[in-house]
Amino acid sequence: MGMERDAMSEQFLLRLRARAEKRRARRGVTLVEVLIVVAIMAVIAGGATLLVFPQFKKARIESAKVGAEAVRQAAELYQAEADAGECPQVKELADAKKLDAKKTDDPWGKPYKVLCDEGDVHAVSFGPDGQEGTGDDVRDDTSKAQIKKIAEM
C-alpha cells in the first residue's frame, strides 16, 4: 500500500507540474518584456529618422527646383504668346492656363515668384524659411552642389 501511495503522490505531483507549466504558457508576456521591445523599436525608429530626414529635406529642395523650372517655362511661353514686355506673375500664368493652378506653390506652401531681368526669365522659391533673398532660396537654375548646400543648412 505504501508503494501505491508513492505512485499516486508522484502522479499527483506530475499533474501539478503540468498545470503549472500550462499556466505559465498562458500567462503571456510581462510588462518588462513589452517595455524592452518598445525601447528597442524606439531606438531603431530614431536611427532611421536620422538617416531619412536629410534625404527628405534634399528631396523637397529638388522638388522646388523642378517646380521653379515649370514656372519659368510657363512664364517664357506666356511672354512669347502674349508679346508682353512685362514680367508675368504666377497668378497670371495660372489664369491664362499656362500653369496648373495646383502647381503654383513650392513644397513649403509659398507661391513661386517670377523674376524678369533684361529678357532673362527665372522662377524662384524662397526655400524652407520663406524669406526672399536668403541663402536657402531655390531658383530654376540651382545646381546640384547648391541643392546639397541648402539641404545641409
Protein backbone atom coordinates (compact mmCIF):
# COMPACT_ATOMS: atom_id res chain seq x y z
CA MET A 1 0.00 0.00 0.00
CA GLY A 2 2.92 2.31 0.62
CA MET A 3 4.12 1.88 -2.94
CA GLU A 4 0.69 2.65 -4.30
CA ARG A 5 0.61 5.79 -2.26
CA ASP A 6 4.05 6.85 -3.55
CA ALA A 7 2.95 6.23 -7.15
CA MET A 8 -0.26 8.22 -6.58
CA SER A 9 1.56 11.10 -4.98
CA GLU A 10 4.10 11.06 -7.82
CA GLN A 11 1.28 11.19 -10.39
CA PHE A 12 -0.33 13.99 -8.40
CA LEU A 13 2.94 15.97 -8.44
CA LEU A 14 3.31 15.39 -12.18
CA ARG A 15 -0.21 16.71 -12.77
CA LEU A 16 0.50 19.76 -10.61
CA ARG A 17 3.68 20.47 -12.57
CA ALA A 18 1.85 20.07 -15.88
CA ARG A 19 -0.84 22.50 -14.71
CA ALA A 20 1.81 25.00 -13.59
CA GLU A 21 3.53 24.73 -16.97
CA LYS A 22 0.21 25.33 -18.77
CA ARG A 23 -0.48 28.35 -16.53
CA ARG A 24 2.96 29.81 -17.30
CA ALA A 25 2.47 29.26 -21.01
CA ARG A 26 -0.94 31.00 -20.90
CA ARG A 27 0.33 33.87 -18.80
CA GLY A 28 1.81 35.73 -21.84
CA VAL A 29 4.48 38.39 -21.74
CA THR A 30 5.33 40.56 -18.80
CA LEU A 31 5.25 44.33 -18.75
CA VAL A 32 9.04 44.44 -18.60
CA GLU A 33 9.31 42.37 -21.79
CA VAL A 34 6.87 44.70 -23.56
CA LEU A 35 8.83 47.77 -22.40
CA ILE A 36 12.09 46.27 -23.65
CA VAL A 37 10.57 45.65 -27.09
CA VAL A 38 9.15 49.20 -27.21
CA ALA A 39 12.53 50.65 -26.23
CA ILE A 40 14.30 48.67 -28.96
CA MET A 41 11.74 49.83 -31.53
CA ALA A 42 12.20 53.46 -30.42
CA VAL A 43 15.97 53.21 -30.88
CA ILE A 44 15.53 51.73 -34.37
CA ALA A 45 12.97 54.41 -35.33
CA GLY A 46 15.27 57.16 -34.06
CA GLY A 47 18.16 55.83 -36.10
CA ALA A 48 16.01 55.55 -39.20
CA THR A 49 14.82 59.13 -38.74
CA LEU A 50 18.39 60.40 -38.58
CA LEU A 51 19.13 58.65 -41.87
CA VAL A 52 15.92 59.54 -43.69
CA PHE A 53 15.32 63.16 -42.64
CA PRO A 54 18.27 64.69 -44.55
CA GLN A 55 17.18 62.84 -47.69
CA PHE A 56 13.62 64.10 -47.24
CA LYS A 57 14.89 67.67 -46.92
CA LYS A 58 17.02 67.32 -50.06
CA ALA A 59 14.06 65.84 -51.97
CA ARG A 60 11.92 68.87 -51.07
CA ILE A 61 14.61 71.22 -52.35
CA GLU A 62 14.93 69.24 -55.58
CA SER A 63 11.13 69.34 -55.92
CA ALA A 64 11.23 73.13 -55.51
CA LYS A 65 13.80 73.35 -58.32
CA VAL A 66 11.64 71.23 -60.65
CA GLY A 67 8.60 73.37 -59.79
CA ALA A 68 10.57 76.55 -60.44
CA GLU A 69 11.63 75.18 -63.84
CA ALA A 70 7.98 74.54 -64.72
CA VAL A 71 7.02 78.08 -63.66
CA ARG A 72 9.89 79.55 -65.71
CA GLN A 73 8.85 77.60 -68.80
CA ALA A 74 5.23 78.72 -68.38
CA ALA A 75 6.38 82.35 -68.00
CA GLU A 76 8.51 82.15 -71.15
CA LEU A 77 5.59 80.63 -73.08
CA TYR A 78 3.25 83.32 -71.76
CA GLN A 79 5.64 86.09 -72.79
CA ALA A 80 6.16 84.58 -76.25
CA GLU A 81 2.44 84.17 -76.92
CA ALA A 82 1.33 87.48 -75.48
CA ASP A 83 4.24 89.52 -76.82
CA ALA A 84 4.22 91.07 -73.40
CA GLY A 85 7.20 93.04 -72.24
CA GLU A 86 6.25 92.89 -68.59
CA CYS A 87 7.04 90.04 -66.27
CA PRO A 88 4.04 87.73 -65.62
CA GLN A 89 3.24 86.65 -62.11
CA VAL A 90 2.30 83.13 -61.08
CA LYS A 91 -1.39 84.04 -60.70
CA GLU A 92 -1.47 85.39 -64.25
CA LEU A 93 0.11 82.18 -65.53
CA ALA A 94 -2.49 80.08 -63.76
CA ASP A 95 -5.33 82.31 -65.00
CA ALA A 96 -4.02 82.04 -68.59
CA LYS A 97 -3.89 78.22 -68.21
CA LYS A 98 -0.13 78.19 -68.87
CA LEU A 99 0.47 76.69 -65.43
CA ASP A 100 -1.60 74.21 -63.45
CA ALA A 101 -3.22 76.10 -60.57
CA LYS A 102 -2.18 73.28 -58.21
CA LYS A 103 1.49 73.82 -59.06
CA THR A 104 1.81 77.48 -58.14
CA ASP A 105 3.16 76.80 -54.63
CA ASP A 106 6.54 75.42 -53.63
CA PRO A 107 6.91 72.38 -51.32
CA TRP A 108 6.67 74.70 -48.29
CA GLY A 109 3.29 76.11 -49.36
CA LYS A 110 4.52 79.51 -50.57
CA PRO A 111 3.92 80.73 -54.14
CA TYR A 112 6.81 80.81 -56.58
CA LYS A 113 7.97 84.19 -57.82
CA VAL A 114 8.81 85.03 -61.44
CA LEU A 115 11.81 87.32 -61.95
CA CYS A 116 12.49 89.02 -65.29
CA ASP A 117 15.73 90.85 -65.99
CA GLU A 118 16.78 92.04 -69.46
CA GLY A 119 14.98 89.26 -71.31
CA ASP A 120 16.03 86.61 -68.81
CA VAL A 121 13.18 84.86 -67.01
CA HIS A 122 13.72 82.93 -63.79
CA ALA A 123 11.44 81.45 -61.16
CA VAL A 124 12.37 81.23 -57.51
CA SER A 125 11.13 79.55 -54.37
CA PHE A 126 12.07 81.28 -51.14
CA GLY A 127 13.02 77.95 -49.59
CA PRO A 128 12.28 76.49 -46.18
CA ASP A 129 12.39 79.82 -44.34
CA GLY A 130 10.03 81.55 -46.82
CA GLN A 131 12.16 84.72 -46.78
CA GLU A 132 13.25 86.36 -50.01
CA GLY A 133 16.96 86.89 -50.58
CA THR A 134 18.30 84.37 -48.06
CA GLY A 135 20.79 81.58 -48.73
CA ASP A 136 18.13 78.90 -48.95
CA ASP A 137 16.31 80.35 -51.98
CA VAL A 138 15.88 77.80 -54.79
CA ARG A 139 15.91 79.03 -58.39
CA ASP A 140 15.17 77.14 -61.57
CA ASP A 141 18.91 77.16 -62.37
CA THR A 142 20.11 75.96 -58.95
CA SER A 143 22.97 73.45 -59.31
CA LYS A 144 23.22 70.08 -57.57
CA ALA A 145 26.06 71.43 -55.40
CA GLN A 146 23.86 74.34 -54.31
CA ILE A 147 20.98 71.94 -53.57
CA LYS A 148 23.29 69.90 -51.35
CA LYS A 149 24.48 73.07 -49.58
CA ILE A 150 20.90 74.25 -48.98
CA ALA A 151 19.92 70.81 -47.65
CA GLU A 152 22.77 70.97 -45.13
CA MET A 153 21.67 74.36 -43.78
